[in-house]
Amino acid sequence: MIKRIILFITSALVFFGCSENRSDYLKVYNWSSYIDETLIEDFEQWYKEQTGENIEVIYQTFDINETMLSKIEKGKEDYDVVCPSDYIIERMLQHDLLLPIDKDFGDTPNYIDSNVAPYIRDRFNEMVGNGKNANDYAVGYMWGTTGFLYNAAYVDPEDVSSWKAIHNPKYADKIIIKDSPRDIYSQIITYVRQDDLKAGKVTLDDLMHYTTDEDLLAVEEFMKEAKKLVAGWEADFGKEQMIQERAWINLTWSGDAVWAIEEGQEMGIDLRYSTPKEGFTVWFDGWVIPKYAGNTKAAKYWINFMSRPDVVIRNVDVTGYVSCSGAKEVLEAFIDESLPEIDLSYFFGPEASAVSVDPVLYPDASDIAHSAMEHDWGDNTHKLIEMWARVKGSNADATTVVVISVFFSALIGFALYRKIYQYRKYARRRARRKMASKR
């Protein structure tokens, strides 16, 4: 902790024009709560062992893709490695804001190419990069799905098998929705265009690109109707509302669902996760080296280190999110023989066609077949933002105000609690794996 404080002060000096040698520092810009922070010091030691050079990591976090992008695009910040989402990777490629990742590490093993899952490589091939292949400029970090986290004590599983669930009056004032226009649009469009999907007139991938103003209007009307039942829009507190049973349904990301489900189990609350039958999105976050990076050598070593199987497992344990690594060790770490077998051959290869793994972490192949990846809307992005603003409106209802008030009053305590919980969870999982290895 003391070292992290010292590094924070050091980072202030570096970021505000200190004339330190940039080869001594690695500036990392990542999502908040998206790493096992003990790995930062481990990387510094490993880098010294591999290169013979000292390095100090200046670690900063962001909560919105566009905030990160603006700093690089407009401010020309010299971050060395950042972790944008799929559509932002597309935008950065199109605007020539990324450097190719050199994967020559000399005597150090190349963990990137040896461990990346074929599924991830194929999805990155789908990114629209102005003639550039995203796999040359980005390495997958975490991935997941978007769906419904729900309380099985109050919610019928059949109801949350469709996006129509947020129109169900049974759940009035018990619904929390991610305050994320792109993620919400990409789910609801699969519902409002389901007849065309069934008829083969469009594909899920077609719907993930900007289509028509008519589609935007259809999603807007659907969400305005849902708004009558929604208790609040959330950025990071939906899972807390769920484990406290203030909400029964949360339209959210699978990583948040994993966190809430595990916490709920300890409190005797039966939370589950569902990806609706109409279709859903898969999302990806990946490491990239921005155009204005000041230490590309350390950046590529950071990405390589984060792709090492043991590091991958530690990050998944602490964050609750799922790695893009298809390493055998990663699969073995998350096998749970108490669970039914599912088909993960698309991700880990033919030998994983029947493995016992939590389907919230890794969806079965039959479910993945009904998924698509979101894409950048380019110049039409403003239409999406404007639509979302109209959905939410300028006046929050009373319930929303209460929810937000409760959230901010508990923010500091919850952040501390989450840190403690993450490391407790890591310790428990590590202990379970040690016990399993002795059987």
Protein backbone atom coordinates (compact mmCIF):
# COMPACT_ATOMS: atom_id res chain seq x y z
CA MET A 1 0.00 0.00 0.00
CA ILE A 2 2.79 2.45 0.92
CA LYS A 3 4.54 1.71 -2.34
CA ARG A 4 1.33 2.38 -4.27
CA ILE A 5 1.03 5.76 -2.55
CA ILE A 6 4.62 6.56 -3.44
CA LEU A 7 3.97 5.52 -7.02
CA PHE A 8 0.89 7.73 -7.11
CA ILE A 9 3.02 10.72 -6.13
CA THR A 10 5.66 9.65 -8.64
CA SER A 11 3.01 9.36 -11.34
CA ALA A 12 1.90 12.92 -10.67
CA LEU A 13 5.46 14.10 -11.25
CA VAL A 14 5.82 12.03 -14.41
CA PHE A 15 2.46 13.01 -15.85
CA PHE A 16 3.00 16.71 -15.21
CA GLY A 17 6.23 17.06 -17.06
CA CYS A 18 8.96 15.66 -14.84
CA SER A 19 12.07 15.00 -16.91
CA GLU A 20 12.43 11.38 -15.78
CA ASN A 21 13.74 8.78 -18.22
CA ARG A 22 10.63 7.26 -19.81
CA SER A 23 12.33 3.88 -20.13
CA ASP A 24 12.12 3.67 -16.33
CA TYR A 25 8.33 4.00 -16.28
CA LEU A 26 5.38 2.14 -17.74
CA LYS A 27 2.13 4.09 -17.86
CA VAL A 28 -0.87 1.75 -17.72
CA TYR A 29 -4.43 2.99 -18.17
CA ASN A 30 -7.07 0.40 -17.29
CA TRP A 31 -10.66 0.07 -16.11
CA SER A 32 -11.21 0.40 -12.37
CA SER A 33 -11.37 -2.84 -10.35
CA TYR A 34 -10.07 -4.76 -13.36
CA ILE A 35 -6.85 -6.34 -12.10
CA ASP A 36 -5.32 -8.14 -9.15
CA GLU A 37 -3.26 -5.16 -8.01
CA THR A 38 -0.60 -7.36 -6.39
CA LEU A 39 0.39 -8.28 -9.94
CA ILE A 40 1.74 -4.79 -10.55
CA GLU A 41 4.71 -5.33 -8.26
CA ASP A 42 5.08 -8.88 -9.59
CA PHE A 43 5.38 -7.49 -13.10
CA GLU A 44 8.07 -5.02 -12.06
CA GLN A 45 10.13 -7.89 -10.61
CA TRP A 46 9.48 -10.16 -13.61
CA TYR A 47 10.46 -7.40 -16.05
CA LYS A 48 13.76 -6.97 -14.22
CA GLU A 49 14.37 -10.73 -14.42
CA GLN A 50 13.58 -10.86 -18.13
CA THR A 51 15.34 -7.71 -19.34
CA GLY A 52 17.80 -6.75 -16.61
CA GLU A 53 16.14 -3.32 -16.51
CA ASN A 54 14.21 -1.58 -13.75
CA ILE A 55 10.64 -0.47 -14.34
CA GLU A 56 8.03 1.31 -12.27
CA VAL A 57 4.38 1.01 -13.22
CA ILE A 58 2.32 4.19 -13.16
CA TYR A 59 -1.18 2.76 -12.94
CA GLN A 60 -4.28 4.85 -13.58
CA THR A 61 -7.93 3.89 -14.10
CA PHE A 62 -10.93 5.10 -16.09
CA ASP A 63 -14.65 4.29 -16.02
CA ILE A 64 -15.72 5.34 -19.54
CA ASN A 65 -14.12 4.32 -22.84
CA GLU A 66 -14.62 7.76 -24.31
CA THR A 67 -12.74 9.41 -21.42
CA MET A 68 -9.70 7.29 -22.16
CA LEU A 69 -10.00 7.87 -25.91
CA SER A 70 -10.29 11.64 -25.54
CA LYS A 71 -7.08 11.83 -23.52
CA ILE A 72 -5.19 9.98 -26.22
CA GLU A 73 -6.89 11.46 -29.26
CA LYS A 74 -7.09 15.09 -28.17
CA GLY A 75 -4.59 15.34 -25.33
CA LYS A 76 -2.00 13.07 -26.98
CA GLU A 77 -1.25 11.53 -23.59
CA ASP A 78 1.73 9.20 -23.69
CA TYR A 79 0.12 6.17 -22.04
CA ASP A 80 2.08 3.06 -22.89
CA VAL A 81 -0.67 0.46 -22.67
CA VAL A 82 -4.44 0.87 -22.30
CA CYS A 83 -7.43 -1.46 -22.25
CA PRO A 84 -10.30 -0.24 -24.48
CA SER A 85 -13.43 -2.15 -25.44
CA ASP A 86 -14.00 -3.71 -28.85
CA TYR A 87 -15.76 -0.80 -30.56
CA ILE A 88 -13.15 1.66 -29.27
CA ILE A 89 -10.38 -0.59 -30.58
CA GLU A 90 -12.13 -0.29 -33.96
CA ARG A 91 -12.27 3.48 -33.66
CA MET A 92 -8.62 3.74 -32.64
CA LEU A 93 -7.60 1.57 -35.59
CA GLN A 94 -9.65 3.67 -37.99
CA HIS A 95 -8.09 6.88 -36.67
CA ASP A 96 -4.52 5.50 -36.70
CA LEU A 97 -4.15 5.79 -32.93
CA LEU A 98 -2.54 2.38 -32.33
CA LEU A 99 0.90 0.89 -32.83
CA PRO A 100 1.37 -2.74 -33.89
CA ILE A 101 2.40 -5.04 -31.03
CA ASP A 102 5.87 -6.51 -31.51
CA LYS A 103 5.71 -10.08 -30.15
CA ASP A 104 9.43 -10.81 -30.29
CA PHE A 105 10.50 -11.33 -26.67
CA GLY A 106 13.87 -12.96 -27.23
CA ASP A 107 14.40 -15.73 -24.68
CA THR A 108 11.17 -14.87 -22.86
CA PRO A 109 8.25 -17.13 -23.87
CA ASN A 110 5.59 -15.56 -26.06
CA TYR A 111 2.48 -16.13 -23.92
CA ILE A 112 0.32 -14.06 -26.25
CA ASP A 113 0.34 -16.20 -29.38
CA SER A 114 0.57 -19.50 -27.51
CA ASN A 115 -2.49 -18.87 -25.33
CA VAL A 116 -4.99 -16.67 -27.15
CA ALA A 117 -8.25 -18.56 -27.72
CA PRO A 118 -9.15 -19.21 -31.39
CA TYR A 119 -12.61 -17.77 -30.69
CA ILE A 120 -11.07 -14.49 -29.54
CA ARG A 121 -8.78 -14.33 -32.56
CA ASP A 122 -11.74 -14.91 -34.88
CA ARG A 123 -13.82 -12.22 -33.19
CA PHE A 124 -10.96 -9.73 -33.39
CA ASN A 125 -10.75 -10.53 -37.11
CA GLU A 126 -14.31 -9.19 -37.37
CA MET A 127 -13.34 -5.76 -36.08
CA VAL A 128 -13.53 -3.02 -38.67
CA GLY A 129 -10.07 -1.48 -38.66
CA ASN A 130 -9.63 0.56 -41.83
CA GLY A 131 -7.80 -2.29 -43.53
CA LYS A 132 -5.87 -3.26 -40.39
CA ASN A 133 -6.23 -6.59 -38.61
CA ALA A 134 -7.06 -5.97 -34.95
CA ASN A 135 -5.05 -9.04 -33.92
CA ASP A 136 -1.87 -7.19 -34.94
CA TYR A 137 -2.75 -4.21 -32.74
CA ALA A 138 -4.70 -5.63 -29.79
CA VAL A 139 -4.50 -8.60 -27.42
CA GLY A 140 -7.67 -9.77 -25.72
CA TYR A 141 -7.78 -9.25 -21.95
CA MET A 142 -11.31 -9.99 -20.71
CA TRP A 143 -14.59 -10.87 -22.42
CA GLY A 144 -18.14 -11.66 -21.51
CA THR A 145 -21.81 -11.40 -22.39
CA THR A 146 -24.72 -9.09 -21.66
CA GLY A 147 -27.85 -10.53 -20.10
CA PHE A 148 -30.10 -10.60 -17.04
CA LEU A 149 -28.91 -11.09 -13.49
CA TYR A 150 -32.03 -12.08 -11.55
CA ASN A 151 -33.24 -13.18 -8.13
CA ALA A 152 -34.69 -16.69 -8.46
CA ALA A 153 -36.82 -16.22 -5.35
CA TYR A 154 -38.91 -13.57 -7.09
CA VAL A 155 -38.35 -13.96 -10.84
CA ASP A 156 -39.61 -16.72 -13.12
CA PRO A 157 -36.65 -17.97 -15.23
CA GLU A 158 -38.95 -18.15 -18.25
CA ASP A 159 -39.61 -14.41 -17.97
CA VAL A 160 -35.92 -13.52 -18.26
CA SER A 161 -35.45 -15.76 -21.29
CA SER A 162 -36.63 -12.73 -23.29
CA TRP A 163 -35.71 -9.05 -23.30
CA LYS A 164 -39.46 -8.46 -22.90
CA ALA A 165 -38.90 -9.07 -19.16
CA ILE A 166 -38.30 -5.37 -18.58
CA HIS A 167 -41.88 -4.72 -19.71
CA ASN A 168 -43.35 -7.14 -17.15
CA PRO A 169 -45.42 -5.28 -14.51
CA LYS A 170 -44.68 -8.06 -11.98
CA TYR A 171 -41.24 -6.52 -11.57
CA ALA A 172 -42.18 -2.85 -11.36
CA ASP A 173 -39.60 -0.81 -9.43
CA LYS A 174 -37.41 -3.91 -9.10
CA ILE A 175 -35.53 -3.51 -12.38
CA ILE A 176 -32.05 -1.95 -12.66
CA ILE A 177 -30.53 -1.29 -16.08
CA LYS A 178 -26.97 -0.50 -17.10
CA ASP A 179 -26.59 3.16 -18.02
CA SER A 180 -24.92 2.16 -21.27
CA PRO A 181 -26.73 3.12 -24.49
CA ARG A 182 -24.66 0.94 -26.78
CA ASP A 183 -25.11 -2.19 -24.66
CA ILE A 184 -28.83 -1.63 -24.20
CA TYR A 185 -29.51 -0.83 -27.85
CA SER A 186 -27.59 -3.91 -28.99
CA GLN A 187 -29.77 -6.21 -26.87
CA ILE A 188 -33.15 -4.63 -27.50
CA ILE A 189 -32.69 -4.41 -31.26
CA THR A 190 -32.61 -8.23 -31.29
CA TYR A 191 -36.06 -8.21 -29.69
CA VAL A 192 -37.73 -5.55 -31.85
CA ARG A 193 -36.32 -7.17 -35.02
CA GLN A 194 -36.89 -10.78 -33.94
CA ASP A 195 -39.38 -11.51 -36.74
CA ASP A 196 -36.84 -10.43 -39.36
CA LEU A 197 -34.16 -12.51 -37.63
CA LYS A 198 -36.35 -15.60 -37.68
CA ALA A 199 -37.22 -15.00 -41.33
CA GLY A 200 -33.54 -14.67 -42.25
CA LYS A 201 -33.98 -11.11 -43.54
CA VAL A 202 -31.16 -9.87 -41.28
CA THR A 203 -28.45 -11.44 -39.15
CA LEU A 204 -27.44 -10.59 -35.62
CA ASP A 205 -24.21 -9.15 -36.98
CA ASP A 206 -26.19 -6.90 -39.34
CA LEU A 207 -28.04 -5.48 -36.35
CA MET A 208 -24.83 -4.69 -34.49
CA HIS A 209 -23.86 -2.14 -37.12
CA TYR A 210 -25.81 1.08 -37.46
CA THR A 211 -28.92 0.25 -39.46
CA THR A 212 -31.75 2.82 -39.75
CA ASP A 213 -33.43 5.65 -37.89
CA GLU A 214 -36.48 3.40 -37.78
CA ASP A 215 -34.54 0.85 -35.70
CA LEU A 216 -33.38 3.56 -33.33
CA LEU A 217 -36.94 4.75 -32.89
CA ALA A 218 -38.19 1.22 -32.25
CA VAL A 219 -35.60 0.70 -29.49
CA GLU A 220 -36.36 4.15 -28.06
CA GLU A 221 -40.08 3.39 -27.82
CA PHE A 222 -39.40 -0.01 -26.26
CA MET A 223 -37.15 1.52 -23.61
CA LYS A 224 -39.51 4.39 -22.86
CA GLU A 225 -42.18 1.81 -22.08
CA ALA A 226 -39.70 -0.10 -19.90
CA LYS A 227 -38.76 3.10 -18.09
CA LYS A 228 -42.14 3.06 -16.35
CA LEU A 229 -41.01 -0.04 -14.43
CA VAL A 230 -37.31 0.79 -13.99
CA ALA A 231 -36.05 1.61 -10.51
CA GLY A 232 -32.78 3.12 -11.73
CA TRP A 233 -29.97 3.30 -14.28
CA GLU A 234 -26.60 2.19 -12.97
CA ALA A 235 -22.93 2.29 -13.87
CA ASP A 236 -21.47 0.09 -11.13
CA PHE A 237 -23.94 -0.34 -8.27
CA GLY A 238 -26.50 -2.70 -9.80
CA LYS A 239 -24.84 -5.78 -8.34
CA GLU A 240 -24.95 -4.22 -4.86
CA GLN A 241 -28.68 -3.53 -5.27
CA MET A 242 -29.18 -7.16 -6.28
CA ILE A 243 -27.37 -8.72 -3.33
CA GLN A 244 -29.34 -6.44 -0.99
CA GLU A 245 -32.57 -7.50 -2.78
CA ARG A 246 -33.52 -3.91 -3.55
CA ALA A 247 -33.74 -5.03 -7.16
CA TRP A 248 -34.75 -8.39 -8.63
CA ILE A 249 -33.63 -7.96 -12.25
CA ASN A 250 -30.46 -6.29 -13.50
CA LEU A 251 -29.70 -5.92 -17.21
CA THR A 252 -25.94 -6.16 -16.89
CA TRP A 253 -22.64 -7.74 -17.91
CA SER A 254 -21.70 -11.32 -17.07
CA GLY A 255 -18.67 -10.21 -15.03
CA ASP A 256 -20.87 -8.21 -12.67
CA ALA A 257 -23.22 -11.19 -12.53
CA VAL A 258 -20.43 -13.54 -11.45
CA TRP A 259 -19.47 -11.16 -8.65
CA ALA A 260 -23.05 -10.82 -7.43
CA ILE A 261 -23.88 -14.53 -7.69
CA GLU A 262 -20.88 -15.52 -5.58
CA GLU A 263 -21.57 -12.84 -3.01
CA GLY A 264 -25.26 -13.77 -2.96
CA GLN A 265 -24.39 -17.39 -2.21
CA GLU A 266 -22.59 -16.35 0.95
CA MET A 267 -25.67 -14.39 2.02
CA GLY A 268 -28.17 -17.09 1.14
CA ILE A 269 -29.52 -15.20 -1.90
CA ASP A 270 -30.13 -17.23 -5.06
CA LEU A 271 -28.99 -15.01 -7.93
CA ARG A 272 -28.76 -16.40 -11.45
CA TYR A 273 -27.90 -15.22 -14.95
CA SER A 274 -29.72 -15.56 -18.27
CA THR A 275 -28.94 -14.63 -21.87
CA PRO A 276 -32.29 -14.10 -23.67
CA LYS A 277 -33.29 -16.31 -26.57
CA GLU A 278 -33.69 -13.48 -29.12
CA GLY A 279 -29.93 -12.90 -29.10
CA PHE A 280 -27.32 -11.05 -27.06
CA THR A 281 -23.91 -9.48 -27.42
CA VAL A 282 -20.47 -10.63 -26.50
CA TRP A 283 -18.00 -7.91 -25.62
CA PHE A 284 -14.21 -7.79 -25.47
CA ASP A 285 -11.63 -5.60 -23.78
CA GLY A 286 -8.07 -5.76 -25.04
CA TRP A 287 -4.61 -4.39 -24.40
CA VAL A 288 -3.31 -1.94 -27.00
CA ILE A 289 -0.28 0.34 -27.37
CA PRO A 290 -1.40 3.90 -28.23
CA LYS A 291 0.25 5.98 -30.92
CA TYR A 292 1.87 8.36 -28.42
CA ALA A 293 3.32 5.69 -26.09
CA GLY A 294 6.65 6.56 -24.53
CA ASN A 295 7.80 3.05 -23.60
CA THR A 296 6.67 0.49 -26.16
CA LYS A 297 9.17 -2.12 -24.97
CA ALA A 298 7.76 -2.30 -21.44
CA ALA A 299 4.25 -2.10 -22.88
CA LYS A 300 4.65 -5.26 -24.93
CA TYR A 301 6.18 -7.06 -21.94
CA TRP A 302 3.20 -6.00 -19.82
CA ILE A 303 0.81 -7.47 -22.38
CA ASN A 304 2.86 -10.67 -22.52
CA PHE A 305 2.90 -10.94 -18.72
CA MET A 306 -0.87 -10.43 -18.53
CA SER A 307 -1.26 -13.33 -20.98
CA ARG A 308 0.68 -15.77 -18.75
CA PRO A 309 -1.74 -18.50 -17.54
CA ASP A 310 -1.04 -18.14 -13.81
CA VAL A 311 -1.47 -14.37 -14.08
CA VAL A 312 -4.68 -14.85 -16.04
CA ILE A 313 -6.12 -17.08 -13.31
CA ARG A 314 -5.28 -14.58 -10.58
CA ASN A 315 -6.95 -11.75 -12.48
CA VAL A 316 -10.11 -13.78 -13.08
CA ASP A 317 -10.24 -14.81 -9.42
CA VAL A 318 -10.08 -11.23 -8.20
CA THR A 319 -12.16 -9.40 -10.79
CA GLY A 320 -14.87 -11.97 -11.57
CA TYR A 321 -14.40 -11.32 -15.28
CA VAL A 322 -13.32 -13.97 -17.78
CA SER A 323 -10.00 -13.93 -19.60
CA CYS A 324 -9.52 -14.17 -23.35
CA SER A 325 -6.86 -16.80 -22.73
CA GLY A 326 -7.52 -20.26 -24.11
CA ALA A 327 -4.65 -21.86 -22.18
CA LYS A 328 -5.19 -25.40 -20.90
CA GLU A 329 -4.23 -24.29 -17.38
CA VAL A 330 -6.99 -21.69 -17.40
CA LEU A 331 -9.63 -24.25 -18.33
CA GLU A 332 -8.41 -26.65 -15.65
CA ALA A 333 -8.52 -23.92 -13.02
CA PHE A 334 -12.25 -23.37 -13.49
CA ILE A 335 -13.50 -26.94 -13.88
CA ASP A 336 -16.11 -27.76 -11.24
CA GLU A 337 -17.26 -31.38 -11.36
CA SER A 338 -20.46 -30.50 -9.47
CA LEU A 339 -21.72 -28.67 -12.58
CA PRO A 340 -23.29 -30.21 -15.70
CA GLU A 341 -21.05 -30.61 -18.73
CA ILE A 342 -21.17 -27.96 -21.46
CA ASP A 343 -19.52 -27.57 -24.84
CA LEU A 344 -16.59 -25.12 -24.80
CA SER A 345 -14.82 -26.53 -27.85
CA TYR A 346 -15.26 -23.17 -29.62
CA PHE A 347 -13.02 -21.58 -27.00
CA PHE A 348 -10.60 -24.22 -25.68
CA GLY A 349 -10.53 -26.67 -28.60
CA PRO A 350 -12.04 -30.11 -29.34
CA GLU A 351 -10.95 -31.60 -26.02
CA ALA A 352 -13.33 -29.19 -24.25
CA SER A 353 -16.50 -30.44 -25.95
CA ALA A 354 -17.85 -31.73 -22.62
CA VAL A 355 -16.45 -29.96 -19.55
CA SER A 356 -17.96 -28.96 -16.23
CA VAL A 357 -17.55 -25.18 -16.08
CA ASP A 358 -19.83 -22.39 -14.89
CA PRO A 359 -21.84 -21.30 -17.99
CA VAL A 360 -21.99 -17.75 -16.65
CA LEU A 361 -18.23 -17.61 -17.09
CA TYR A 362 -18.14 -19.47 -20.40
CA PRO A 363 -21.44 -19.85 -22.31
CA ASP A 364 -22.19 -23.16 -23.97
CA ALA A 365 -21.51 -23.34 -27.72
CA SER A 366 -25.25 -23.52 -28.39
CA ASP A 367 -25.75 -20.17 -26.64
CA ILE A 368 -22.77 -18.50 -28.29
CA ALA A 369 -24.39 -19.34 -31.63
CA HIS A 370 -27.03 -16.69 -30.79
CA SER A 371 -24.54 -13.93 -30.01
CA ALA A 372 -22.91 -11.08 -31.92
CA MET A 373 -20.21 -8.47 -31.31
CA GLU A 374 -20.94 -4.76 -31.03
CA HIS A 375 -19.28 -2.38 -33.47
CA ASP A 376 -18.36 1.28 -33.63
CA TRP A 377 -21.03 3.49 -35.18
CA GLY A 378 -18.57 6.13 -36.30
CA ASP A 379 -20.25 9.39 -37.31
CA ASN A 380 -23.66 8.01 -36.30
CA THR A 381 -22.67 7.57 -32.64
CA HIS A 382 -24.31 10.87 -31.73
CA LYS A 383 -27.69 9.44 -32.77
CA LEU A 384 -27.29 6.65 -30.24
CA ILE A 385 -26.36 9.09 -27.46
CA GLU A 386 -29.27 11.38 -28.30
CA MET A 387 -31.71 8.45 -28.31
CA TRP A 388 -30.53 7.38 -24.87
CA ALA A 389 -30.88 10.90 -23.51
CA ARG A 390 -34.50 10.95 -24.69
CA VAL A 391 -35.16 7.58 -23.05
CA LYS A 392 -33.84 8.65 -19.67
CA GLY A 393 -35.31 12.12 -19.88
CA SER A 394 -34.29 15.11 -17.80
CA ASN A 395 -36.35 14.27 -14.73
CA ALA A 396 -35.53 11.19 -12.70
CA ASP A 397 -38.44 9.62 -10.91
CA ALA A 398 -38.54 9.43 -7.11
CA THR A 399 -37.37 5.84 -6.96
CA THR A 400 -34.35 6.61 -9.13
CA VAL A 401 -33.41 9.51 -6.86
CA VAL A 402 -33.62 7.27 -3.81
CA VAL A 403 -31.50 4.58 -5.44
CA ILE A 404 -28.84 7.08 -6.49
CA SER A 405 -28.82 8.67 -3.03
CA VAL A 406 -28.34 5.32 -1.36
CA PHE A 407 -25.56 4.50 -3.79
CA PHE A 408 -23.54 7.64 -3.16
CA SER A 409 -23.97 7.43 0.61
CA ALA A 410 -22.55 3.91 0.59
CA LEU A 411 -19.93 4.39 -2.14
CA ILE A 412 -16.83 4.62 0.03
CA GLY A 413 -17.83 1.77 2.30
CA PHE A 414 -18.80 -0.43 -0.61
CA ALA A 415 -15.54 0.20 -2.45
CA LEU A 416 -13.59 -0.87 0.63
CA TYR A 417 -15.85 -3.87 1.14
CA ARG A 418 -15.37 -4.96 -2.48
CA LYS A 419 -11.61 -4.84 -2.16
CA ILE A 420 -11.75 -7.02 0.95
CA TYR A 421 -14.22 -9.37 -0.72
CA GLN A 422 -12.11 -9.73 -3.86
CA TYR A 423 -9.07 -10.84 -1.94
CA ARG A 424 -11.11 -13.13 0.33
CA LYS A 425 -12.62 -14.71 -2.79
CA TYR A 426 -9.18 -15.16 -4.34
CA ALA A 427 -7.95 -16.89 -1.19
CA ARG A 428 -11.00 -19.18 -1.08
CA ARG A 429 -10.67 -20.18 -4.74
CA ARG A 430 -6.96 -20.83 -4.36
CA ALA A 431 -7.65 -23.02 -1.31
CA ARG A 432 -10.34 -24.96 -3.20
CA ARG A 433 -7.97 -25.60 -6.09
CA LYS A 434 -5.28 -26.85 -3.71
CA MET A 435 -7.78 -29.24 -2.11
CA ALA A 436 -8.93 -30.45 -5.52
CA SER A 437 -5.34 -31.13 -6.59
CA LYS A 438 -4.85 -33.40 -3.55
CA ARG A 439 -7.83 -35.61 -4.38
